[in-house]
Amino acid sequence: MTDQPKPDEPKRPGFFKRLFGQEEQAAPTVPAPVEAAPSPAAQKKKWWQRLKEGLSRTSSKLGTGVTDLFTKRKLDHSDISPEEVRTILADEIEAILSPVARPLAVEGAKPFVIMVVGVNGAGKTTTIGKLAQKYRAEGRSVLLAAGDTFRAAAIDQLRIWGERTGSPVVARPQGSDSSGLAFDALKQAQEEARDIVILDTAGRLQNKAELMAELEKVVRVMRKVDATAPHAVLLVLDATTGQNALTQVEAFGKTAGVTGLVMTKLDGTARGGILVAVAAKTGLPVHFIGVGEGVDDLEPFAARDFARAIVGLEEA
């Protein structure tokens, strides 16, 4: 992942791997009601508070590790305070994350097709709803495609988000062919001159070859309508899965051509540092992070804010 640190340098992602413990996944919840958007300044302040609170379990774990550096090990520079160590760590984390903190550029194609992939329970459908809300707030027309035809609950959940965001939803009965649905959705979006299509897909484990092959079929069929589709493939990662996130990135990258990442449930784990490891190893863009179920709890990823929040520092 990175070069070995010198004895007097703070350790990078490997340091976090030792600090973060195992946790169980949080149960998925229904979408939270959409709230009126606050002013930009107020929204930024509210997001910082949610981010810091959401990462509190991770920063607490990290704080314990920092304390251990002083109580259990002899440092070369004994006059460095824990606060200074946190500042150094924040700078190191920011340096790792800055190259991957890139916004999702929805441009160059109409409709712009976003395919959302990931394992079961990662938060794909909720993420799609939140993205739809953001794009509708920008004045863009959005069409949602319920490509998770295996679960009736996923279809119903997407319909709820469609109603809340004023976005039509293309859906078929449970058990329908997901690639055919993707084809129909893209054709409809073209006919209606939609700006964006967001396609949900069934959750699948990265080690199930037949399910991953089905994902490849969805891509092939969409390209019969638009040879350049999908224009973005977002892999939704559940932060509570820890190191398994790295395996998911590799598998979905090979099958679906992942172009960017969304990390969810950072508020439900003490292992938020996995984002640092993923960034260092893969170099894939991290477009959004989520720290809750509300529509305002998914925001574009900012390296500096994340780095300071994860070590327990105040907003810069």
C-alpha atoms as a PDB file:
ATOM      1  CA  MET A   1       0.000   0.000   0.000  1.00  0.00           C
ATOM      2  CA  THR A   2       2.612   2.562   1.030  1.00  0.00           C
ATOM      3  CA  ASP A   3       6.311   2.748   1.794  1.00  0.00           C
ATOM      4  CA  GLN A   4       7.307   1.677   5.279  1.00  0.00           C
ATOM      5  CA  PRO A   5       7.375   4.742   7.546  1.00  0.00           C
ATOM      6  CA  LYS A   6      10.542   5.868   9.205  1.00  0.00           C
ATOM      7  CA  PRO A   7      10.775   5.259  12.981  1.00  0.00           C
ATOM      8  CA  ASP A   8       9.896   8.863  13.828  1.00  0.00           C
ATOM      9  CA  GLU A   9       7.038   9.189  11.320  1.00  0.00           C
ATOM     10  CA  PRO A  10       3.352   8.436  12.025  1.00  0.00           C
ATOM     11  CA  LYS A  11       2.250   5.211  10.376  1.00  0.00           C
ATOM     12  CA  ARG A  12      -0.166   5.402   7.492  1.00  0.00           C
ATOM     13  CA  PRO A  13      -3.025   3.015   6.560  1.00  0.00           C
ATOM     14  CA  GLY A  14      -1.440  -0.018   8.280  1.00  0.00           C
ATOM     15  CA  PHE A  15      -1.658   1.925  11.535  1.00  0.00           C
ATOM     16  CA  PHE A  16      -5.422   2.219  11.170  1.00  0.00           C
ATOM     17  CA  LYS A  17      -5.878  -1.471  10.394  1.00  0.00           C
ATOM     18  CA  ARG A  18      -4.506  -2.340  13.814  1.00  0.00           C
ATOM     19  CA  LEU A  19      -6.680   0.237  15.550  1.00  0.00           C
ATOM     20  CA  PHE A  20     -10.101  -0.667  14.159  1.00  0.00           C
ATOM     21  CA  GLY A  21     -11.909  -3.674  15.590  1.00  0.00           C
ATOM     22  CA  GLN A  22     -14.499  -6.034  14.174  1.00  0.00           C
ATOM     23  CA  GLU A  23     -18.165  -5.033  14.173  1.00  0.00           C
ATOM     24  CA  GLU A  24     -21.414  -6.421  12.884  1.00  0.00           C
ATOM     25  CA  GLN A  25     -23.268  -4.797  10.001  1.00  0.00           C
ATOM     26  CA  ALA A  26     -26.081  -2.417  10.878  1.00  0.00           C
ATOM     27  CA  ALA A  27     -29.542  -3.478   9.711  1.00  0.00           C
ATOM     28  CA  PRO A  28     -30.860  -1.494   6.714  1.00  0.00           C
ATOM     29  CA  THR A  29     -33.587   1.020   7.445  1.00  0.00           C
ATOM     30  CA  VAL A  30     -36.297   2.672   5.415  1.00  0.00           C
ATOM     31  CA  PRO A  31     -35.554   6.033   3.781  1.00  0.00           C
ATOM     32  CA  ALA A  32     -35.858   9.030   6.083  1.00  0.00           C
ATOM     33  CA  PRO A  33     -38.239  11.832   5.081  1.00  0.00           C
ATOM     34  CA  VAL A  34     -36.823  14.500   2.800  1.00  0.00           C
ATOM     35  CA  GLU A  35     -36.203  17.795   4.628  1.00  0.00           C
ATOM     36  CA  ALA A  36     -36.065  21.322   3.258  1.00  0.00           C
ATOM     37  CA  ALA A  37     -32.520  22.304   2.280  1.00  0.00           C
ATOM     38  CA  PRO A  38     -30.831  24.852   4.597  1.00  0.00           C
ATOM     39  CA  SER A  39     -28.622  27.697   3.391  1.00  0.00           C
ATOM     40  CA  PRO A  40     -25.180  26.651   2.024  1.00  0.00           C
ATOM     41  CA  ALA A  41     -23.339  27.943   5.118  1.00  0.00           C
ATOM     42  CA  ALA A  42     -25.754  26.273   7.503  1.00  0.00           C
ATOM     43  CA  GLN A  43     -25.703  23.105   5.443  1.00  0.00           C
ATOM     44  CA  LYS A  44     -21.888  22.953   5.606  1.00  0.00           C
ATOM     45  CA  LYS A  45     -21.963  23.448   9.376  1.00  0.00           C
ATOM     46  CA  LYS A  46     -24.625  20.800   9.831  1.00  0.00           C
ATOM     47  CA  TRP A  47     -22.689  18.376   7.630  1.00  0.00           C
ATOM     48  CA  TRP A  48     -19.498  18.930   9.617  1.00  0.00           C
ATOM     49  CA  GLN A  49     -21.321  18.157  12.842  1.00  0.00           C
ATOM     50  CA  ARG A  50     -22.874  15.007  11.370  1.00  0.00           C
ATOM     51  CA  LEU A  51     -19.528  13.937   9.947  1.00  0.00           C
ATOM     52  CA  LYS A  52     -17.699  14.448  13.232  1.00  0.00           C
ATOM     53  CA  GLU A  53     -20.419  12.720  15.229  1.00  0.00           C
ATOM     54  CA  GLY A  54     -20.628   9.930  12.673  1.00  0.00           C
ATOM     55  CA  LEU A  55     -16.903   9.285  12.851  1.00  0.00           C
ATOM     56  CA  SER A  56     -16.781   9.578  16.649  1.00  0.00           C
ATOM     57  CA  ARG A  57     -16.442   5.833  17.163  1.00  0.00           C
ATOM     58  CA  THR A  58     -13.538   5.716  14.742  1.00  0.00           C
ATOM     59  CA  SER A  59     -11.857   8.781  16.235  1.00  0.00           C
ATOM     60  CA  SER A  60     -12.323   7.348  19.727  1.00  0.00           C
ATOM     61  CA  LYS A  61     -10.605   4.144  18.635  1.00  0.00           C
ATOM     62  CA  LEU A  62      -7.874   6.159  16.995  1.00  0.00           C
ATOM     63  CA  GLY A  63      -7.532   8.316  20.104  1.00  0.00           C
ATOM     64  CA  THR A  64      -6.903   5.198  22.154  1.00  0.00           C
ATOM     65  CA  GLY A  65      -4.116   4.279  19.752  1.00  0.00           C
ATOM     66  CA  VAL A  66      -2.597   7.734  20.026  1.00  0.00           C
ATOM     67  CA  THR A  67      -2.691   7.510  23.820  1.00  0.00           C
ATOM     68  CA  ASP A  68      -1.006   4.121  23.647  1.00  0.00           C
ATOM     69  CA  LEU A  69       1.833   5.688  21.693  1.00  0.00           C
ATOM     70  CA  PHE A  70       2.585   7.839  24.718  1.00  0.00           C
ATOM     71  CA  THR A  71       1.865   5.371  27.507  1.00  0.00           C
ATOM     72  CA  LYS A  72       3.268   2.150  26.075  1.00  0.00           C
ATOM     73  CA  ARG A  73       6.061   3.253  23.752  1.00  0.00           C
ATOM     74  CA  LYS A  74       9.056   5.491  24.043  1.00  0.00           C
ATOM     75  CA  LEU A  75       8.986   8.268  21.439  1.00  0.00           C
ATOM     76  CA  ASP A  76      12.062   9.928  19.978  1.00  0.00           C
ATOM     77  CA  HIS A  77      10.421  13.332  20.478  1.00  0.00           C
ATOM     78  CA  SER A  78       8.979  13.091  23.972  1.00  0.00           C
ATOM     79  CA  ASP A  79       7.791  16.706  23.950  1.00  0.00           C
ATOM     80  CA  ILE A  80       5.142  16.090  21.257  1.00  0.00           C
ATOM     81  CA  SER A  81       1.611  16.305  22.642  1.00  0.00           C
ATOM     82  CA  PRO A  82      -1.261  13.993  21.662  1.00  0.00           C
ATOM     83  CA  GLU A  83      -2.909  16.969  19.913  1.00  0.00           C
ATOM     84  CA  GLU A  84       0.193  17.476  17.771  1.00  0.00           C
ATOM     85  CA  VAL A  85       0.227  13.779  16.891  1.00  0.00           C
ATOM     86  CA  ARG A  86      -3.407  14.016  15.803  1.00  0.00           C
ATOM     87  CA  THR A  87      -2.568  17.007  13.626  1.00  0.00           C
ATOM     88  CA  ILE A  88       0.279  15.087  12.013  1.00  0.00           C
ATOM     89  CA  LEU A  89      -1.988  12.104  11.438  1.00  0.00           C
ATOM     90  CA  ALA A  90      -4.660  14.338   9.910  1.00  0.00           C
ATOM     91  CA  ASP A  91      -2.095  15.788   7.507  1.00  0.00           C
ATOM     92  CA  GLU A  92      -0.913  12.307   6.527  1.00  0.00           C
ATOM     93  CA  ILE A  93      -4.471  11.072   5.998  1.00  0.00           C
ATOM     94  CA  GLU A  94      -5.351  14.138   3.945  1.00  0.00           C
ATOM     95  CA  ALA A  95      -2.295  13.554   1.745  1.00  0.00           C
ATOM     96  CA  ILE A  96      -3.480  10.004   1.031  1.00  0.00           C
ATOM     97  CA  LEU A  97      -7.094  10.968   0.397  1.00  0.00           C
ATOM     98  CA  SER A  98      -6.721  14.195  -1.574  1.00  0.00           C
ATOM     99  CA  PRO A  99      -5.915  12.455  -4.901  1.00  0.00           C
ATOM    100  CA  VAL A 100      -9.115  10.378  -4.731  1.00  0.00           C
ATOM    101  CA  ALA A 101     -11.495  13.089  -3.464  1.00  0.00           C
ATOM    102  CA  ARG A 102     -13.093  13.852  -6.824  1.00  0.00           C
ATOM    103  CA  PRO A 103     -16.673  14.920  -7.526  1.00  0.00           C
ATOM    104  CA  LEU A 104     -18.831  12.836  -9.835  1.00  0.00           C
ATOM    105  CA  ALA A 105     -18.948  14.799 -13.085  1.00  0.00           C
ATOM    106  CA  VAL A 106     -22.386  14.233 -14.632  1.00  0.00           C
ATOM    107  CA  GLU A 107     -21.713  15.588 -18.089  1.00  0.00           C
ATOM    108  CA  GLY A 108     -20.916  14.626 -21.671  1.00  0.00           C
ATOM    109  CA  ALA A 109     -23.929  12.373 -22.270  1.00  0.00           C
ATOM    110  CA  LYS A 110     -27.709  12.681 -22.196  1.00  0.00           C
ATOM    111  CA  PRO A 111     -29.041  10.729 -20.538  1.00  0.00           C
ATOM    112  CA  PHE A 112     -26.048  10.239 -18.257  1.00  0.00           C
ATOM    113  CA  VAL A 113     -26.314   6.665 -16.992  1.00  0.00           C
ATOM    114  CA  ILE A 114     -25.182   5.830 -13.462  1.00  0.00           C
ATOM    115  CA  MET A 115     -25.143   2.145 -12.544  1.00  0.00           C
ATOM    116  CA  VAL A 116     -24.956   1.385  -8.823  1.00  0.00           C
ATOM    117  CA  VAL A 117     -23.460  -1.933  -7.706  1.00  0.00           C
ATOM    118  CA  GLY A 118     -22.431  -3.633  -4.481  1.00  0.00           C
ATOM    119  CA  VAL A 119     -23.088  -6.497  -2.099  1.00  0.00           C
ATOM    120  CA  ASN A 120     -26.323  -7.101  -0.214  1.00  0.00           C
ATOM    121  CA  GLY A 121     -27.055  -4.562   2.488  1.00  0.00           C
ATOM    122  CA  ALA A 122     -24.439  -2.013   1.461  1.00  0.00           C
ATOM    123  CA  GLY A 123     -27.042   0.718   1.015  1.00  0.00           C
ATOM    124  CA  LYS A 124     -27.352   0.903  -2.775  1.00  0.00           C
ATOM    125  CA  THR A 125     -31.052   1.763  -2.988  1.00  0.00           C
ATOM    126  CA  THR A 126     -30.859   4.383  -0.253  1.00  0.00           C
ATOM    127  CA  THR A 127     -27.817   5.915  -1.952  1.00  0.00           C
ATOM    128  CA  ILE A 128     -29.728   6.094  -5.238  1.00  0.00           C
ATOM    129  CA  GLY A 129     -32.585   7.916  -3.545  1.00  0.00           C
ATOM    130  CA  LYS A 130     -30.240  10.453  -2.003  1.00  0.00           C
ATOM    131  CA  LEU A 131     -28.482  11.026  -5.331  1.00  0.00           C
ATOM    132  CA  ALA A 132     -31.827  11.514  -7.051  1.00  0.00           C
ATOM    133  CA  GLN A 133     -32.747  14.132  -4.465  1.00  0.00           C
ATOM    134  CA  LYS A 134     -29.483  15.999  -5.026  1.00  0.00           C
ATOM    135  CA  TYR A 135     -29.789  16.017  -8.800  1.00  0.00           C
ATOM    136  CA  ARG A 136     -33.446  17.038  -8.698  1.00  0.00           C
ATOM    137  CA  ALA A 137     -32.488  19.917  -6.388  1.00  0.00           C
ATOM    138  CA  GLU A 138     -30.062  21.008  -9.121  1.00  0.00           C
ATOM    139  CA  GLY A 139     -32.938  21.118 -11.595  1.00  0.00           C
ATOM    140  CA  ARG A 140     -32.018  17.954 -13.486  1.00  0.00           C
ATOM    141  CA  SER A 141     -34.581  15.428 -14.688  1.00  0.00           C
ATOM    142  CA  VAL A 142     -33.938  11.959 -13.283  1.00  0.00           C
ATOM    143  CA  LEU A 143     -35.285   8.522 -14.122  1.00  0.00           C
ATOM    144  CA  LEU A 144     -34.784   5.655 -11.689  1.00  0.00           C
ATOM    145  CA  ALA A 145     -34.549   2.019 -12.812  1.00  0.00           C
ATOM    146  CA  ALA A 146     -35.382  -0.752 -10.321  1.00  0.00           C
ATOM    147  CA  GLY A 147     -32.825  -3.247 -11.575  1.00  0.00           C
ATOM    148  CA  ASP A 148     -32.856  -5.250  -8.344  1.00  0.00           C
ATOM    149  CA  THR A 149     -35.617  -7.511  -9.590  1.00  0.00           C
ATOM    150  CA  PHE A 150     -34.821 -10.211  -7.027  1.00  0.00           C
ATOM    151  CA  ARG A 151     -36.226  -8.313  -4.027  1.00  0.00           C
ATOM    152  CA  ALA A 152     -39.709  -6.858  -3.976  1.00  0.00           C
ATOM    153  CA  ALA A 153     -38.641  -4.685  -1.046  1.00  0.00           C
ATOM    154  CA  ALA A 154     -35.941  -3.037  -3.169  1.00  0.00           C
ATOM    155  CA  ILE A 155     -38.463  -2.232  -5.891  1.00  0.00           C
ATOM    156  CA  ASP A 156     -40.888  -0.771  -3.349  1.00  0.00           C
ATOM    157  CA  GLN A 157     -38.141   1.240  -1.657  1.00  0.00           C
ATOM    158  CA  LEU A 158     -37.057   2.750  -4.969  1.00  0.00           C
ATOM    159  CA  ARG A 159     -40.659   3.670  -5.758  1.00  0.00           C
ATOM    160  CA  ILE A 160     -40.843   5.524  -2.427  1.00  0.00           C
ATOM    161  CA  TRP A 161     -37.726   7.495  -3.326  1.00  0.00           C
ATOM    162  CA  GLY A 162     -39.187   8.181  -6.750  1.00  0.00           C
ATOM    163  CA  GLU A 163     -42.287   9.689  -5.179  1.00  0.00           C
ATOM    164  CA  ARG A 164     -40.252  11.786  -2.746  1.00  0.00           C
ATOM    165  CA  THR A 165     -37.931  13.153  -5.387  1.00  0.00           C
ATOM    166  CA  GLY A 166     -40.414  13.509  -8.232  1.00  0.00           C
ATOM    167  CA  SER A 167     -38.522  10.969 -10.337  1.00  0.00           C
ATOM    168  CA  PRO A 168     -40.355   8.353 -12.428  1.00  0.00           C
ATOM    169  CA  VAL A 169     -39.360   4.755 -11.719  1.00  0.00           C
ATOM    170  CA  VAL A 170     -39.110   2.007 -14.322  1.00  0.00           C
ATOM    171  CA  ALA A 171     -39.956  -1.262 -12.587  1.00  0.00           C
ATOM    172  CA  ARG A 172     -41.038  -4.768 -13.507  1.00  0.00           C
ATOM    173  CA  PRO A 173     -42.514  -7.659 -11.474  1.00  0.00           C
ATOM    174  CA  GLN A 174     -40.186  -9.445  -9.092  1.00  0.00           C
ATOM    175  CA  GLY A 175     -38.116 -12.041 -10.921  1.00  0.00           C
ATOM    176  CA  SER A 176     -38.045 -10.165 -14.250  1.00  0.00           C
ATOM    177  CA  ASP A 177     -34.898 -10.009 -16.334  1.00  0.00           C
ATOM    178  CA  SER A 178     -32.774  -7.149 -15.015  1.00  0.00           C
ATOM    179  CA  SER A 179     -30.915  -6.588 -18.288  1.00  0.00           C
ATOM    180  CA  GLY A 180     -34.214  -6.196 -20.156  1.00  0.00           C
ATOM    181  CA  LEU A 181     -35.351  -3.664 -17.593  1.00  0.00           C
ATOM    182  CA  ALA A 182     -32.120  -1.701 -18.028  1.00  0.00           C
ATOM    183  CA  PHE A 183     -32.687  -1.690 -21.801  1.00  0.00           C
ATOM    184  CA  ASP A 184     -36.247  -0.407 -21.418  1.00  0.00           C
ATOM    185  CA  ALA A 185     -35.241   2.251 -18.882  1.00  0.00           C
ATOM    186  CA  LEU A 186     -32.537   3.666 -21.120  1.00  0.00           C
ATOM    187  CA  LYS A 187     -34.873   3.745 -24.130  1.00  0.00           C
ATOM    188  CA  GLN A 188     -37.525   5.557 -22.089  1.00  0.00           C
ATOM    189  CA  ALA A 189     -34.977   8.062 -20.792  1.00  0.00           C
ATOM    190  CA  GLN A 190     -33.904   8.825 -24.358  1.00  0.00           C
ATOM    191  CA  GLU A 191     -37.492   9.277 -25.523  1.00  0.00           C
ATOM    192  CA  GLU A 192     -38.269  11.585 -22.587  1.00  0.00           C
ATOM    193  CA  ALA A 193     -34.974  13.501 -22.928  1.00  0.00           C
ATOM    194  CA  ARG A 194     -34.037  12.783 -19.316  1.00  0.00           C
ATOM    195  CA  ASP A 195     -30.770  14.165 -17.975  1.00  0.00           C
ATOM    196  CA  ILE A 196     -29.847  11.250 -15.744  1.00  0.00           C
ATOM    197  CA  VAL A 197     -30.695   7.562 -15.372  1.00  0.00           C
ATOM    198  CA  ILE A 198     -29.767   5.857 -12.103  1.00  0.00           C
ATOM    199  CA  LEU A 199     -29.897   2.061 -12.293  1.00  0.00           C
ATOM    200  CA  ASP A 200     -30.203  -0.045  -9.169  1.00  0.00           C
ATOM    201  CA  THR A 201     -28.817  -3.590  -9.322  1.00  0.00           C
ATOM    202  CA  ALA A 202     -29.297  -6.653  -7.191  1.00  0.00           C
ATOM    203  CA  GLY A 203     -26.900  -7.063  -4.314  1.00  0.00           C
ATOM    204  CA  ARG A 204     -24.476  -9.863  -5.011  1.00  0.00           C
ATOM    205  CA  LEU A 205     -21.508 -11.367  -3.271  1.00  0.00           C
ATOM    206  CA  GLN A 206     -18.287 -10.780  -5.156  1.00  0.00           C
ATOM    207  CA  ASN A 207     -17.457 -14.520  -5.118  1.00  0.00           C
ATOM    208  CA  LYS A 208     -20.645 -15.657  -6.889  1.00  0.00           C
ATOM    209  CA  ALA A 209     -19.558 -16.091 -10.508  1.00  0.00           C
ATOM    210  CA  GLU A 210     -23.041 -16.513 -12.009  1.00  0.00           C
ATOM    211  CA  LEU A 211     -24.331 -13.321 -10.403  1.00  0.00           C
ATOM    212  CA  MET A 212     -21.293 -11.349 -11.457  1.00  0.00           C
ATOM    213  CA  ALA A 213     -21.761 -12.655 -15.019  1.00  0.00           C
ATOM    214  CA  GLU A 214     -25.325 -11.346 -14.922  1.00  0.00           C
ATOM    215  CA  LEU A 215     -23.972  -7.909 -14.085  1.00  0.00           C
ATOM    216  CA  GLU A 216     -21.789  -8.078 -17.194  1.00  0.00           C
ATOM    217  CA  LYS A 217     -24.909  -8.914 -19.215  1.00  0.00           C
ATOM    218  CA  VAL A 218     -26.692  -5.801 -17.933  1.00  0.00           C
ATOM    219  CA  VAL A 219     -23.805  -3.699 -19.220  1.00  0.00           C
ATOM    220  CA  ARG A 220     -23.792  -5.447 -22.611  1.00  0.00           C
ATOM    221  CA  VAL A 221     -27.525  -4.964 -23.100  1.00  0.00           C
ATOM    222  CA  MET A 222     -27.433  -1.275 -22.160  1.00  0.00           C
ATOM    223  CA  ARG A 223     -24.731  -0.743 -24.776  1.00  0.00           C
ATOM    224  CA  LYS A 224     -27.159  -1.877 -27.457  1.00  0.00           C
ATOM    225  CA  VAL A 225     -29.002   1.376 -26.727  1.00  0.00           C
ATOM    226  CA  ASP A 226     -25.979   3.571 -25.991  1.00  0.00           C
ATOM    227  CA  ALA A 227     -22.532   2.210 -26.771  1.00  0.00           C
ATOM    228  CA  THR A 228     -20.994   4.472 -24.119  1.00  0.00           C
ATOM    229  CA  ALA A 229     -23.293   3.432 -21.249  1.00  0.00           C
ATOM    230  CA  PRO A 230     -23.005   3.205 -18.340  1.00  0.00           C
ATOM    231  CA  HIS A 231     -21.146   6.483 -17.982  1.00  0.00           C
ATOM    232  CA  ALA A 232     -20.440   5.953 -14.285  1.00  0.00           C
ATOM    233  CA  VAL A 233     -20.384   2.744 -12.256  1.00  0.00           C
ATOM    234  CA  LEU A 234     -20.572   3.462  -8.543  1.00  0.00           C
ATOM    235  CA  LEU A 235     -19.603   0.771  -6.070  1.00  0.00           C
ATOM    236  CA  VAL A 236     -21.336   1.283  -2.728  1.00  0.00           C
ATOM    237  CA  LEU A 237     -19.175   0.051   0.150  1.00  0.00           C
ATOM    238  CA  ASP A 238     -20.426  -0.543   3.681  1.00  0.00           C
ATOM    239  CA  ALA A 239     -17.768   0.795   6.055  1.00  0.00           C
ATOM    240  CA  THR A 240     -18.644  -1.826   8.662  1.00  0.00           C
ATOM    241  CA  THR A 241     -17.274  -4.606   6.417  1.00  0.00           C
ATOM    242  CA  GLY A 242     -13.718  -3.472   7.066  1.00  0.00           C
ATOM    243  CA  GLN A 243     -10.964  -5.138   5.066  1.00  0.00           C
ATOM    244  CA  ASN A 244     -13.492  -7.051   2.934  1.00  0.00           C
ATOM    245  CA  ALA A 245     -14.119  -3.745   1.160  1.00  0.00           C
ATOM    246  CA  LEU A 246     -10.795  -4.168  -0.625  1.00  0.00           C
ATOM    247  CA  THR A 247     -11.879  -7.539  -2.026  1.00  0.00           C
ATOM    248  CA  GLN A 248     -15.162  -6.043  -3.204  1.00  0.00           C
ATOM    249  CA  VAL A 249     -13.403  -3.226  -5.049  1.00  0.00           C
ATOM    250  CA  GLU A 250     -11.209  -5.710  -6.898  1.00  0.00           C
ATOM    251  CA  ALA A 251     -14.030  -8.088  -7.870  1.00  0.00           C
ATOM    252  CA  PHE A 252     -16.571  -5.471  -8.960  1.00  0.00           C
ATOM    253  CA  GLY A 253     -13.850  -3.539 -10.737  1.00  0.00           C
ATOM    254  CA  LYS A 254     -13.093  -6.511 -12.972  1.00  0.00           C
ATOM    255  CA  THR A 255     -16.741  -7.340 -13.653  1.00  0.00           C
ATOM    256  CA  ALA A 256     -18.534  -4.016 -13.869  1.00  0.00           C
ATOM    257  CA  GLY A 257     -15.724  -1.541 -14.564  1.00  0.00           C
ATOM    258  CA  VAL A 258     -16.176   0.481 -11.382  1.00  0.00           C
ATOM    259  CA  THR A 259     -15.391   4.147 -11.957  1.00  0.00           C
ATOM    260  CA  GLY A 260     -15.927   5.516  -8.447  1.00  0.00           C
ATOM    261  CA  LEU A 261     -16.847   4.719  -4.864  1.00  0.00           C
ATOM    262  CA  VAL A 262     -19.501   5.639  -2.332  1.00  0.00           C
ATOM    263  CA  MET A 263     -18.846   4.646   1.288  1.00  0.00           C
ATOM    264  CA  THR A 264     -21.850   4.358   3.575  1.00  0.00           C
ATOM    265  CA  LYS A 265     -22.541   3.665   7.274  1.00  0.00           C
ATOM    266  CA  LEU A 266     -19.462   5.456   8.532  1.00  0.00           C
ATOM    267  CA  ASP A 267     -21.549   6.386  11.557  1.00  0.00           C
ATOM    268  CA  GLY A 268     -22.085   2.747  12.508  1.00  0.00           C
ATOM    269  CA  THR A 269     -18.513   1.576  12.907  1.00  0.00           C
ATOM    270  CA  ALA A 270     -15.171   2.173  14.574  1.00  0.00           C
ATOM    271  CA  ARG A 271     -13.507   1.067  11.351  1.00  0.00           C
ATOM    272  CA  GLY A 272     -13.923   4.186   9.248  1.00  0.00           C
ATOM    273  CA  GLY A 273     -10.200   4.104   8.542  1.00  0.00           C
ATOM    274  CA  ILE A 274     -10.860   1.428   5.911  1.00  0.00           C
ATOM    275  CA  LEU A 275     -11.535   4.315   3.548  1.00  0.00           C
ATOM    276  CA  VAL A 276      -7.893   5.316   3.916  1.00  0.00           C
ATOM    277  CA  ALA A 277      -6.746   1.797   3.053  1.00  0.00           C
ATOM    278  CA  VAL A 278      -9.059   1.592   0.030  1.00  0.00           C
ATOM    279  CA  ALA A 279      -7.854   4.960  -1.256  1.00  0.00           C
ATOM    280  CA  ALA A 280      -4.199   4.064  -0.812  1.00  0.00           C
ATOM    281  CA  LYS A 281      -4.504   0.677  -2.517  1.00  0.00           C
ATOM    282  CA  THR A 282      -6.929   1.347  -5.387  1.00  0.00           C
ATOM    283  CA  GLY A 283      -6.657   5.034  -6.226  1.00  0.00           C
ATOM    284  CA  LEU A 284     -10.325   4.993  -7.297  1.00  0.00           C
ATOM    285  CA  PRO A 285     -12.245   8.255  -6.913  1.00  0.00           C
ATOM    286  CA  VAL A 286     -14.320   8.519  -3.751  1.00  0.00           C
ATOM    287  CA  HIS A 287     -17.325  10.569  -4.821  1.00  0.00           C
ATOM    288  CA  PHE A 288     -19.607  10.463  -1.772  1.00  0.00           C
ATOM    289  CA  ILE A 289     -19.660   9.320   1.850  1.00  0.00           C
ATOM    290  CA  GLY A 290     -22.654   8.671   4.089  1.00  0.00           C
ATOM    291  CA  VAL A 291     -23.000   9.040   7.840  1.00  0.00           C
ATOM    292  CA  GLY A 292     -26.703   8.329   8.299  1.00  0.00           C
ATOM    293  CA  GLU A 293     -30.021   7.545   6.636  1.00  0.00           C
ATOM    294  CA  GLY A 294     -31.296  11.095   6.075  1.00  0.00           C
ATOM    295  CA  VAL A 295     -31.200  12.691   2.654  1.00  0.00           C
ATOM    296  CA  ASP A 296     -28.616  15.203   3.904  1.00  0.00           C
ATOM    297  CA  ASP A 297     -26.365  12.456   5.258  1.00  0.00           C
ATOM    298  CA  LEU A 298     -24.740  11.740   1.899  1.00  0.00           C
ATOM    299  CA  GLU A 299     -22.312  14.405   0.752  1.00  0.00           C
ATOM    300  CA  PRO A 300     -19.450  14.815  -1.729  1.00  0.00           C
ATOM    301  CA  PHE A 301     -16.236  13.518  -0.215  1.00  0.00           C
ATOM    302  CA  ALA A 302     -13.797  16.143   1.092  1.00  0.00           C
ATOM    303  CA  ALA A 303     -10.387  14.835   2.118  1.00  0.00           C
ATOM    304  CA  ARG A 304      -9.547  17.569   4.629  1.00  0.00           C
ATOM    305  CA  ASP A 305     -12.869  17.406   6.447  1.00  0.00           C
ATOM    306  CA  PHE A 306     -12.691  13.611   6.689  1.00  0.00           C
ATOM    307  CA  ALA A 307      -9.066  13.617   7.855  1.00  0.00           C
ATOM    308  CA  ARG A 308      -9.715  16.092  10.658  1.00  0.00           C
ATOM    309  CA  ALA A 309     -12.962  14.469  11.758  1.00  0.00           C
ATOM    310  CA  ILE A 310     -11.482  10.986  11.882  1.00  0.00           C
ATOM    311  CA  VAL A 311      -8.742  12.039  14.305  1.00  0.00           C
ATOM    312  CA  GLY A 312     -11.093  14.121  16.442  1.00  0.00           C
ATOM    313  CA  LEU A 313      -9.898  17.603  15.471  1.00  0.00           C
ATOM    314  CA  GLU A 314     -12.150  20.611  14.987  1.00  0.00           C
ATOM    315  CA  GLU A 315     -13.159  21.955  11.582  1.00  0.00           C
ATOM    316  CA  ALA A 316     -10.340  23.822   9.855  1.00  0.00           C
END
